[in-house]
C-alpha atoms as a PDB file:
ATOM      1  CA  MET A   1    -109.414 -15.759 -15.531  1.00  0.00           C
ATOM      2  CA  LYS A   2    -110.929 -13.056 -13.303  1.00  0.00           C
ATOM      3  CA  LYS A   3    -110.280 -15.170 -10.189  1.00  0.00           C
ATOM      4  CA  THR A   4    -106.627 -15.612 -11.132  1.00  0.00           C
ATOM      5  CA  LEU A   5    -106.156 -11.877 -11.654  1.00  0.00           C
ATOM      6  CA  PHE A   6    -107.876 -11.189  -8.330  1.00  0.00           C
ATOM      7  CA  TRP A   7    -105.512 -13.545  -6.450  1.00  0.00           C
ATOM      8  CA  ILE A   8    -102.439 -12.128  -8.196  1.00  0.00           C
ATOM      9  CA  PHE A   9    -103.540  -8.607  -7.257  1.00  0.00           C
ATOM     10  CA  ALA A  10    -104.252  -9.702  -3.653  1.00  0.00           C
ATOM     11  CA  ALA A  11    -100.818 -11.379  -3.404  1.00  0.00           C
ATOM     12  CA  LEU A  12     -99.041  -8.282  -4.738  1.00  0.00           C
ATOM     13  CA  LEU A  13    -100.959  -5.985  -2.388  1.00  0.00           C
ATOM     14  CA  SER A  14    -100.317  -8.149   0.687  1.00  0.00           C
ATOM     15  CA  GLY A  15     -96.614  -8.492  -0.265  1.00  0.00           C
ATOM     16  CA  ALA A  16     -96.274  -4.726  -0.605  1.00  0.00           C
ATOM     17  CA  LEU A  17     -97.962  -4.109   2.758  1.00  0.00           C
ATOM     18  CA  LEU A  18     -95.838  -6.717   4.575  1.00  0.00           C
ATOM     19  CA  GLY A  19     -92.647  -5.426   2.926  1.00  0.00           C
ATOM     20  CA  SER A  20     -93.475  -1.855   3.884  1.00  0.00           C
ATOM     21  CA  PHE A  21     -94.224  -2.900   7.468  1.00  0.00           C
ATOM     22  CA  THR A  22     -90.932  -4.848   7.707  1.00  0.00           C
ATOM     23  CA  PHE A  23     -88.754  -2.057   6.308  1.00  0.00           C
ATOM     24  CA  ASP A  24     -90.421   0.554   8.526  1.00  0.00           C
ATOM     25  CA  ARG A  25     -89.500  -1.489  11.605  1.00  0.00           C
ATOM     26  CA  TYR A  26     -85.809  -1.643  10.561  1.00  0.00           C
ATOM     27  CA  GLU A  27     -85.606   2.098   9.849  1.00  0.00           C
ATOM     28  CA  ASN A  28     -86.406   2.881  13.478  1.00  0.00           C
ATOM     29  CA  LEU A  29     -84.025   0.266  14.864  1.00  0.00           C
ATOM     30  CA  ASN A  30     -81.098   1.476  17.004  1.00  0.00           C
ATOM     31  CA  VAL A  31     -78.039  -0.289  15.624  1.00  0.00           C
ATOM     32  CA  GLU A  32     -74.770  -0.664  17.527  1.00  0.00           C
ATOM     33  CA  LYS A  33     -71.411  -1.463  15.962  1.00  0.00           C
ATOM     34  CA  VAL A  34     -70.375  -5.085  16.285  1.00  0.00           C
ATOM     35  CA  ILE A  35     -66.700  -4.283  15.732  1.00  0.00           C
ATOM     36  CA  ASN A  36     -65.376  -1.213  17.464  1.00  0.00           C
ATOM     37  CA  ILE A  37     -62.111  -0.006  16.003  1.00  0.00           C
ATOM     38  CA  ASN A  38     -60.058   1.871  18.550  1.00  0.00           C
ATOM     39  CA  ASP A  39     -58.860   5.040  16.869  1.00  0.00           C
ATOM     40  CA  LYS A  40     -56.664   6.096  19.806  1.00  0.00           C
ATOM     41  CA  VAL A  41     -52.982   5.297  19.358  1.00  0.00           C
ATOM     42  CA  TYR A  42     -49.842   5.909  21.374  1.00  0.00           C
ATOM     43  CA  MET A  43     -47.215   8.013  19.657  1.00  0.00           C
ATOM     44  CA  ALA A  44     -43.600   8.599  20.706  1.00  0.00           C
ATOM     45  CA  LYS A  45     -43.085  12.351  20.400  1.00  0.00           C
ATOM     46  CA  TYR A  46     -39.579  13.485  19.558  1.00  0.00           C
ATOM     47  CA  GLY A  47     -40.301  17.172  20.046  1.00  0.00           C
ATOM     48  CA  GLU A  48     -42.491  20.178  19.402  1.00  0.00           C
ATOM     49  CA  TYR A  49     -41.328  23.028  17.164  1.00  0.00           C
ATOM     50  CA  LYS A  50     -42.517  26.464  16.092  1.00  0.00           C
ATOM     51  CA  SER A  51     -41.779  25.975  12.395  1.00  0.00           C
ATOM     52  CA  GLU A  52     -41.163  23.199   9.912  1.00  0.00           C
ATOM     53  CA  GLU A  53     -37.651  24.508   9.273  1.00  0.00           C
ATOM     54  CA  GLU A  54     -36.786  24.377  12.989  1.00  0.00           C
ATOM     55  CA  MET A  55     -38.129  20.827  13.167  1.00  0.00           C
ATOM     56  CA  ILE A  56     -36.066  19.671  10.171  1.00  0.00           C
ATOM     57  CA  ASN A  57     -32.905  21.243  11.613  1.00  0.00           C
ATOM     58  CA  ASN A  58     -33.378  19.595  15.031  1.00  0.00           C
ATOM     59  CA  ILE A  59     -34.274  16.101  13.850  1.00  0.00           C
ATOM     60  CA  SER A  60     -31.116  14.812  12.272  1.00  0.00           C
ATOM     61  CA  ASN A  61     -30.327  11.735  14.363  1.00  0.00           C
ATOM     62  CA  VAL A  62     -33.437   9.672  13.571  1.00  0.00           C
ATOM     63  CA  GLU A  63     -33.965   7.671  10.418  1.00  0.00           C
ATOM     64  CA  ARG A  64     -37.671   8.360   9.923  1.00  0.00           C
ATOM     65  CA  TYR A  65     -40.331  10.510  11.542  1.00  0.00           C
ATOM     66  CA  ILE A  66     -43.762  11.955  10.912  1.00  0.00           C
ATOM     67  CA  TYR A  67     -45.189  15.223  12.096  1.00  0.00           C
ATOM     68  CA  ILE A  68     -48.571  16.687  12.890  1.00  0.00           C
ATOM     69  CA  VAL A  69     -49.297  20.405  12.734  1.00  0.00           C
ATOM     70  CA  GLU A  70     -51.518  21.364  15.639  1.00  0.00           C
ATOM     71  CA  ASP A  71     -52.258  24.920  16.813  1.00  0.00           C
ATOM     72  CA  GLY A  72     -49.439  26.258  14.636  1.00  0.00           C
ATOM     73  CA  LYS A  73     -46.879  23.923  16.224  1.00  0.00           C
ATOM     74  CA  TYR A  74     -45.063  21.079  14.536  1.00  0.00           C
ATOM     75  CA  LYS A  75     -45.026  17.879  16.605  1.00  0.00           C
ATOM     76  CA  ALA A  76     -42.555  15.242  15.419  1.00  0.00           C
ATOM     77  CA  TYR A  77     -43.164  11.558  16.168  1.00  0.00           C
ATOM     78  CA  VAL A  78     -40.862   8.570  15.695  1.00  0.00           C
ATOM     79  CA  GLY A  79     -43.113   5.744  16.849  1.00  0.00           C
ATOM     80  CA  VAL A  80     -46.764   4.666  16.677  1.00  0.00           C
ATOM     81  CA  SER A  81     -48.470   1.800  18.493  1.00  0.00           C
ATOM     82  CA  THR A  82     -51.894   0.776  19.736  1.00  0.00           C
ATOM     83  CA  THR A  83     -50.515  -0.536  23.032  1.00  0.00           C
ATOM     84  CA  SER A  84     -48.511   1.197  25.718  1.00  0.00           C
ATOM     85  CA  LYS A  85     -46.289  -1.898  26.043  1.00  0.00           C
ATOM     86  CA  ASN A  86     -45.060  -1.673  22.452  1.00  0.00           C
ATOM     87  CA  ILE A  87     -44.601   2.098  22.424  1.00  0.00           C
ATOM     88  CA  LYS A  88     -42.527   1.672  25.589  1.00  0.00           C
ATOM     89  CA  LYS A  89     -40.238  -0.700  23.632  1.00  0.00           C
ATOM     90  CA  ILE A  90     -39.648   2.040  21.063  1.00  0.00           C
ATOM     91  CA  VAL A  91     -39.087   4.715  23.716  1.00  0.00           C
ATOM     92  CA  ASP A  92     -36.547   2.446  25.446  1.00  0.00           C
ATOM     93  CA  ILE A  93     -34.605   1.976  22.197  1.00  0.00           C
ATOM     94  CA  TYR A  94     -34.274   5.733  21.772  1.00  0.00           C
ATOM     95  CA  LEU A  95     -33.499   6.172  25.461  1.00  0.00           C
ATOM     96  CA  ASN A  96     -30.518   3.841  24.973  1.00  0.00           C
ATOM     97  CA  LYS A  97     -29.376   6.284  22.262  1.00  0.00           C
ATOM     98  CA  ASN A  98     -29.740   9.189  24.763  1.00  0.00           C
ATOM     99  CA  ILE A  99     -32.873  10.503  23.056  1.00  0.00           C
ATOM    100  CA  LYS A 100     -35.740  11.247  25.428  1.00  0.00           C
ATOM    101  CA  LEU A 101     -39.207  10.794  23.954  1.00  0.00           C
ATOM    102  CA  ASP A 102     -42.625  11.659  25.350  1.00  0.00           C
ATOM    103  CA  ILE A 103     -45.641   9.400  24.898  1.00  0.00           C
ATOM    104  CA  GLU A 104     -48.906  10.956  23.731  1.00  0.00           C
ATOM    105  CA  LYS A 105     -52.269   9.398  22.996  1.00  0.00           C
ATOM    106  CA  ILE A 106     -53.592  10.674  19.666  1.00  0.00           C
ATOM    107  CA  THR A 107     -56.857  10.091  17.788  1.00  0.00           C
ATOM    108  CA  ILE A 108     -56.447   9.039  14.162  1.00  0.00           C
ATOM    109  CA  ASP A 109     -59.522   9.097  11.946  1.00  0.00           C
ATOM    110  CA  ASN A 110     -58.353   6.682   9.274  1.00  0.00           C
ATOM    111  CA  GLU A 111     -59.825   3.211   9.611  1.00  0.00           C
ATOM    112  CA  GLU A 112     -57.534   1.652   6.998  1.00  0.00           C
ATOM    113  CA  PHE A 113     -54.418   2.879   8.826  1.00  0.00           C
ATOM    114  CA  ILE A 114     -55.748   1.587  12.161  1.00  0.00           C
ATOM    115  CA  GLN A 115     -56.394  -1.837  10.622  1.00  0.00           C
ATOM    116  CA  ASN A 116     -52.857  -1.929   9.183  1.00  0.00           C
ATOM    117  CA  LEU A 117     -51.444  -0.782  12.514  1.00  0.00           C
ATOM    118  CA  ASN A 118     -53.238  -3.645  14.263  1.00  0.00           C
ATOM    119  CA  GLU A 119     -51.480  -6.077  11.903  1.00  0.00           C
ATOM    120  CA  TYR A 120     -48.086  -4.447  12.536  1.00  0.00           C
ATOM    121  CA  GLU A 121     -48.861  -4.644  16.253  1.00  0.00           C
ATOM    122  CA  LYS A 122     -48.702  -8.438  16.054  1.00  0.00           C
ATOM    123  CA  LEU A 123     -45.133  -8.146  14.764  1.00  0.00           C
ATOM    124  CA  LEU A 124     -44.216  -5.644  17.485  1.00  0.00           C
ATOM    125  CA  ASP A 125     -45.582  -8.009  20.141  1.00  0.00           C
ATOM    126  CA  ALA A 126     -43.430 -10.869  18.885  1.00  0.00           C
ATOM    127  CA  THR A 127     -40.221  -8.852  18.417  1.00  0.00           C
ATOM    128  CA  VAL A 128     -37.624  -7.829  21.001  1.00  0.00           C
ATOM    129  CA  ASP A 129     -34.695  -7.124  18.672  1.00  0.00           C
ATOM    130  CA  GLU A 130     -34.010  -3.362  18.443  1.00  0.00           C
ATOM    131  CA  LYS A 131     -33.162  -3.388  14.742  1.00  0.00           C
ATOM    132  CA  SER A 132     -36.332  -5.311  13.876  1.00  0.00           C
ATOM    133  CA  LEU A 133     -38.473  -3.009  16.026  1.00  0.00           C
ATOM    134  CA  LEU A 134     -37.083   0.050  14.243  1.00  0.00           C
ATOM    135  CA  ILE A 135     -37.693  -1.531  10.831  1.00  0.00           C
ATOM    136  CA  ILE A 136     -41.314  -2.264  11.792  1.00  0.00           C
ATOM    137  CA  GLN A 137     -41.720   1.310  13.078  1.00  0.00           C
ATOM    138  CA  ASN A 138     -40.335   2.668   9.797  1.00  0.00           C
ATOM    139  CA  GLN A 139     -42.954   0.610   7.956  1.00  0.00           C
ATOM    140  CA  ILE A 140     -45.688   1.937  10.256  1.00  0.00           C
ATOM    141  CA  LEU A 141     -44.553   5.525   9.702  1.00  0.00           C
ATOM    142  CA  SER A 142     -44.491   4.957   5.921  1.00  0.00           C
ATOM    143  CA  CYS A 143     -47.996   3.523   6.123  1.00  0.00           C
ATOM    144  CA  TYR A 144     -49.107   6.581   8.117  1.00  0.00           C
ATOM    145  CA  GLU A 145     -47.693   8.918   5.481  1.00  0.00           C
ATOM    146  CA  GLU A 146     -49.318   6.964   2.671  1.00  0.00           C
ATOM    147  CA  LEU A 147     -52.773   6.499   4.205  1.00  0.00           C
ATOM    148  CA  VAL A 148     -53.253   9.450   6.524  1.00  0.00           C
ATOM    149  CA  VAL A 149     -51.071  12.317   5.306  1.00  0.00           C
ATOM    150  CA  ASN A 150     -51.492  11.773   1.566  1.00  0.00           C
ATOM    151  CA  ASN A 151     -55.259  11.139   1.840  1.00  0.00           C
ATOM    152  CA  GLU A 152     -56.098  14.349   3.710  1.00  0.00           C
END
């Protein structure tokens, strides 16, 4: 009986020492991300305004837009994309309507929105029809409002 207790105690002690040694090695391990989510997106800027009221009054000929307040200025955007090719499609649609847009690269710190945007990007890649592109952009802007604006 004493021998059995001795071996059980020895097994528990050696297991604890080996476990401690293993976990200590992983605590000091430098880990790099396997998947790197790009949080930089291209946005089609409609304009920059001093107040929200001025922005609302000047943006009457677009169906949907979002805005970001930065340094006391209201920046209105009508398109979002992860690739310059797809944001150029949106800018060209508005250019055909005599609306000049600027392209800006913005950082968005919402991983869920970026993942959704990557899925919408597949649709934007496959679409050339103006109406379909605008519908997809409206969905992206709605997603931005839901995930980024409402979760701040």
